[in-house]
Amino acid sequence: MYYFFRRGAVSIRCEVRPDSGGEGYELVIDRPDSAIRVERFSGPRELNQRWADLQRALTREGWGGPHARGL
């Protein structure tokens, strides 16, 4: 699942997906001003906590969202 946060004319793309090895999950964060970052999690609890923390941080920075978009 893809999520977008917008601020003005720029956006941050976040993707939540199974990891490439099929053993956990990945959170991909693509900010407009930096390289793509991939964070890996062994289970859904850790992923969900990080996702909630990330949403709060982006909201504090003035980003609007998330706006979800399926595959």
Protein backbone atom coordinates (compact mmCIF):
# COMPACT_ATOMS: atom_id res chain seq x y z
CA MET A 1 0.00 0.00 0.00
CA TYR A 2 1.25 3.46 -0.89
CA TYR A 3 0.63 6.55 1.24
CA PHE A 4 1.36 10.13 0.27
CA PHE A 5 1.90 13.17 2.47
CA ARG A 6 1.73 16.56 0.78
CA ARG A 7 3.03 20.01 1.63
CA GLY A 8 2.60 22.61 -1.06
CA ALA A 9 3.64 21.18 -4.42
CA VAL A 10 5.86 18.40 -3.02
CA SER A 11 5.04 15.02 -1.58
CA ILE A 12 6.53 12.20 0.45
CA ARG A 13 5.76 8.68 -0.69
CA CYS A 14 5.60 5.90 1.88
CA GLU A 15 5.10 2.26 1.04
CA VAL A 16 4.26 -0.55 3.46
CA ARG A 17 5.01 -3.98 2.01
CA PRO A 18 6.17 -7.50 2.84
CA ASP A 19 9.96 -7.62 2.90
CA SER A 20 11.77 -9.06 -0.09
CA GLY A 21 12.59 -12.27 1.79
CA GLY A 22 9.02 -12.84 2.92
CA GLU A 23 9.99 -12.91 6.61
CA GLY A 24 8.72 -9.51 7.78
CA TYR A 25 7.80 -6.06 6.54
CA GLU A 26 9.39 -3.01 4.99
CA LEU A 27 8.54 0.65 5.29
CA VAL A 28 9.88 2.63 2.34
CA ILE A 29 10.15 6.40 2.81
CA ASP A 30 10.82 8.50 -0.28
CA ARG A 31 11.33 12.17 0.67
CA PRO A 32 11.71 14.73 -2.13
CA ASP A 33 15.04 16.01 -0.75
CA SER A 34 16.85 12.77 0.08
CA ALA A 35 17.53 9.20 -0.92
CA ILE A 36 14.92 6.51 -0.45
CA ARG A 37 15.10 4.90 2.98
CA VAL A 38 13.98 1.33 3.65
CA GLU A 39 13.27 0.24 7.22
CA ARG A 40 12.75 -3.45 8.00
CA PHE A 41 10.57 -4.97 10.72
CA SER A 42 10.21 -8.54 11.91
CA GLY A 43 6.54 -8.24 12.82
CA PRO A 44 3.43 -6.13 12.46
CA ARG A 45 3.61 -4.65 15.97
CA GLU A 46 6.96 -2.99 15.33
CA LEU A 47 5.86 -1.82 11.88
CA ASN A 48 2.62 -0.34 13.21
CA GLN A 49 4.41 1.53 16.00
CA ARG A 50 6.94 3.02 13.58
CA TRP A 51 4.18 3.94 11.11
CA ALA A 52 2.24 5.76 13.86
CA ASP A 53 5.40 7.59 14.98
CA LEU A 54 6.21 8.58 11.39
CA GLN A 55 2.70 9.94 10.78
CA ARG A 56 2.88 12.07 13.94
CA ALA A 57 6.32 13.40 12.98
CA LEU A 58 5.24 14.31 9.45
CA THR A 59 2.10 16.03 10.73
CA ARG A 60 4.22 18.09 13.15
CA GLU A 61 6.44 19.09 10.19
CA GLY A 62 3.37 20.42 8.35
CA TRP A 63 2.76 17.54 5.96
CA GLY A 64 -0.86 16.71 5.13
CA GLY A 65 -1.93 13.12 4.86
CA PRO A 66 -1.73 10.28 4.65
CA HIS A 67 -3.56 9.89 1.37
CA ALA A 68 -3.68 6.17 0.57
CA ARG A 69 -3.40 4.65 -2.86
CA GLY A 70 -3.55 0.91 -3.49
CA LEU A 71 -1.46 -0.99 -5.98
